[in-house]
Protein backbone atom coordinates (compact mmCIF):
# COMPACT_ATOMS: atom_id res chain seq x y z
CA MET A 1 92.79 51.08 140.54
CA LEU A 2 93.53 54.05 142.70
CA CYS A 3 96.31 55.81 140.78
CA CYS A 4 99.14 55.44 138.37
CA ALA A 5 102.37 57.43 138.29
CA ALA A 6 103.87 58.30 135.04
CA ARG A 7 106.32 60.64 133.37
CA LYS A 8 103.41 62.96 132.35
CA GLY A 9 102.20 63.15 135.95
CA LEU A 10 99.85 61.24 138.31
CA MET A 11 96.66 59.64 136.93
CA VAL A 12 94.00 59.46 139.73
CA ARG A 13 90.58 57.76 139.71
CA VAL A 14 88.05 60.25 141.18
CA GLY A 15 84.94 58.99 139.74
CA ALA A 16 82.54 60.47 137.14
CA GLU A 17 80.68 62.60 139.74
CA ALA A 18 83.81 64.28 141.13
CA GLU A 19 85.60 64.66 137.75
CA ALA A 20 84.23 68.14 136.95
CA LYS A 21 85.15 69.54 140.29
CA ALA A 22 88.63 67.98 140.20
CA LEU A 23 89.28 69.41 136.75
CA GLU A 24 88.82 72.95 138.13
CA SER A 25 92.02 72.53 140.01
CA PRO A 26 95.22 73.89 138.45
CA HIS A 27 97.42 71.33 136.78
CA ALA A 28 94.53 68.89 136.27
CA ALA A 29 93.44 67.69 132.96
CA PRO A 30 91.19 64.99 131.58
CA CYS A 31 92.98 61.57 131.29
CA LEU A 32 93.27 60.23 127.80
CA GLY A 33 93.91 56.60 127.25
CA ALA A 34 94.80 55.64 123.66
CA GLY A 35 93.48 59.05 122.54
CA ARG A 36 90.05 58.66 124.21
CA ARG A 37 88.87 60.38 127.31
CA MET A 38 88.73 58.05 130.29
CA ALA A 39 85.63 58.97 132.42
CA GLY A 40 86.34 59.34 136.09
CA PHE A 41 90.15 59.61 135.66
CA ILE A 42 92.16 62.85 135.63
CA MET A 43 95.80 63.55 135.03
CA ILE A 44 97.68 65.82 137.43
CA GLU A 45 100.84 67.44 135.85
CA PRO A 46 104.07 67.11 137.89
CA GLU A 47 103.99 70.79 138.67
CA GLY A 48 100.76 70.17 140.59
CA LEU A 49 102.45 67.63 142.85
CA THR A 50 105.38 69.67 144.26
CA ARG A 51 104.25 69.56 147.85
CA ASP A 52 103.29 66.53 150.01
CA ALA A 53 99.96 68.21 150.84
CA GLU A 54 98.98 68.25 147.08
CA LEU A 55 99.86 64.58 146.63
CA LYS A 56 97.93 63.60 149.80
CA ARG A 57 94.90 65.59 148.59
CA TRP A 58 94.77 63.81 145.15
CA LEU A 59 95.29 60.41 146.81
CA SER A 60 92.70 61.09 149.43
CA MET A 61 90.13 62.03 146.72
CA ALA A 62 90.91 58.91 144.78
CA ARG A 63 90.78 56.68 147.82
CA THR A 64 87.47 58.08 148.85
CA TYR A 65 86.02 57.15 145.45
CA VAL A 66 87.69 53.72 145.09
CA GLU A 67 86.48 52.64 148.58
CA THR A 68 82.89 52.91 147.31
CA LEU A 69 83.42 50.38 144.63
CA PRO A 70 82.40 46.76 145.04
CA PRO A 71 85.17 44.18 145.35
CA LYS A 72 86.41 42.54 142.16
CA LEU A 73 85.13 39.08 141.48
CA LYS A 74 87.54 36.27 140.86
CA THR A 75 87.77 35.20 137.19
CA LEU A 76 86.88 31.73 136.02
CA ARG A 77 90.18 31.37 134.28
CA GLY A 78 91.73 29.09 136.78
CA SER A 79 95.09 29.31 138.36
CA ALA A 80 97.45 28.10 135.68
CA PRO A 81 97.35 29.25 132.07
CA LYS A 82 96.87 26.57 129.45
CA GLN A 83 99.97 25.28 127.73
CA ARG A 84 100.02 25.86 123.94
CA GLN A 85 100.69 22.91 121.78
CA PRO A 86 103.78 23.16 119.51
CA ALA A 87 103.15 23.59 115.94
CA LYS A 88 103.24 20.41 113.77
CA ARG A 89 106.20 20.16 111.47
CA ARG A 90 105.75 19.47 107.85
CA THR A 91 107.22 16.34 106.58
CA THR A 92 107.22 17.17 102.90
CA THR A 93 109.84 18.52 100.59
CA LYS A 94 109.61 21.48 98.38
CA ARG A 95 108.07 19.39 95.61
CA GLY A 96 105.31 18.07 97.94
CA LYS A 97 106.75 14.53 98.27
CA PRO A 98 107.79 13.03 101.61
């Protein structure tokens, strides 16, 4: 994943090594996912993305990191999800007799 646009701003993946330097920039903050800090990800507030040059800078930083990552391996799940079996219906009445 390179980035994610949201109402709160732009989440970019810069890697753990570049995170500290990126956080020195104005409008940059640690990215929190479900209340926990996400290492290597930062959140840029909308105020820090008002010019095209700012957006290009953040995307370039993220792309530079992401291009160093190995390709994702295909999963062993197969191409089609398994079909769920319908639940069996009970054939008894309230008193427990058929």
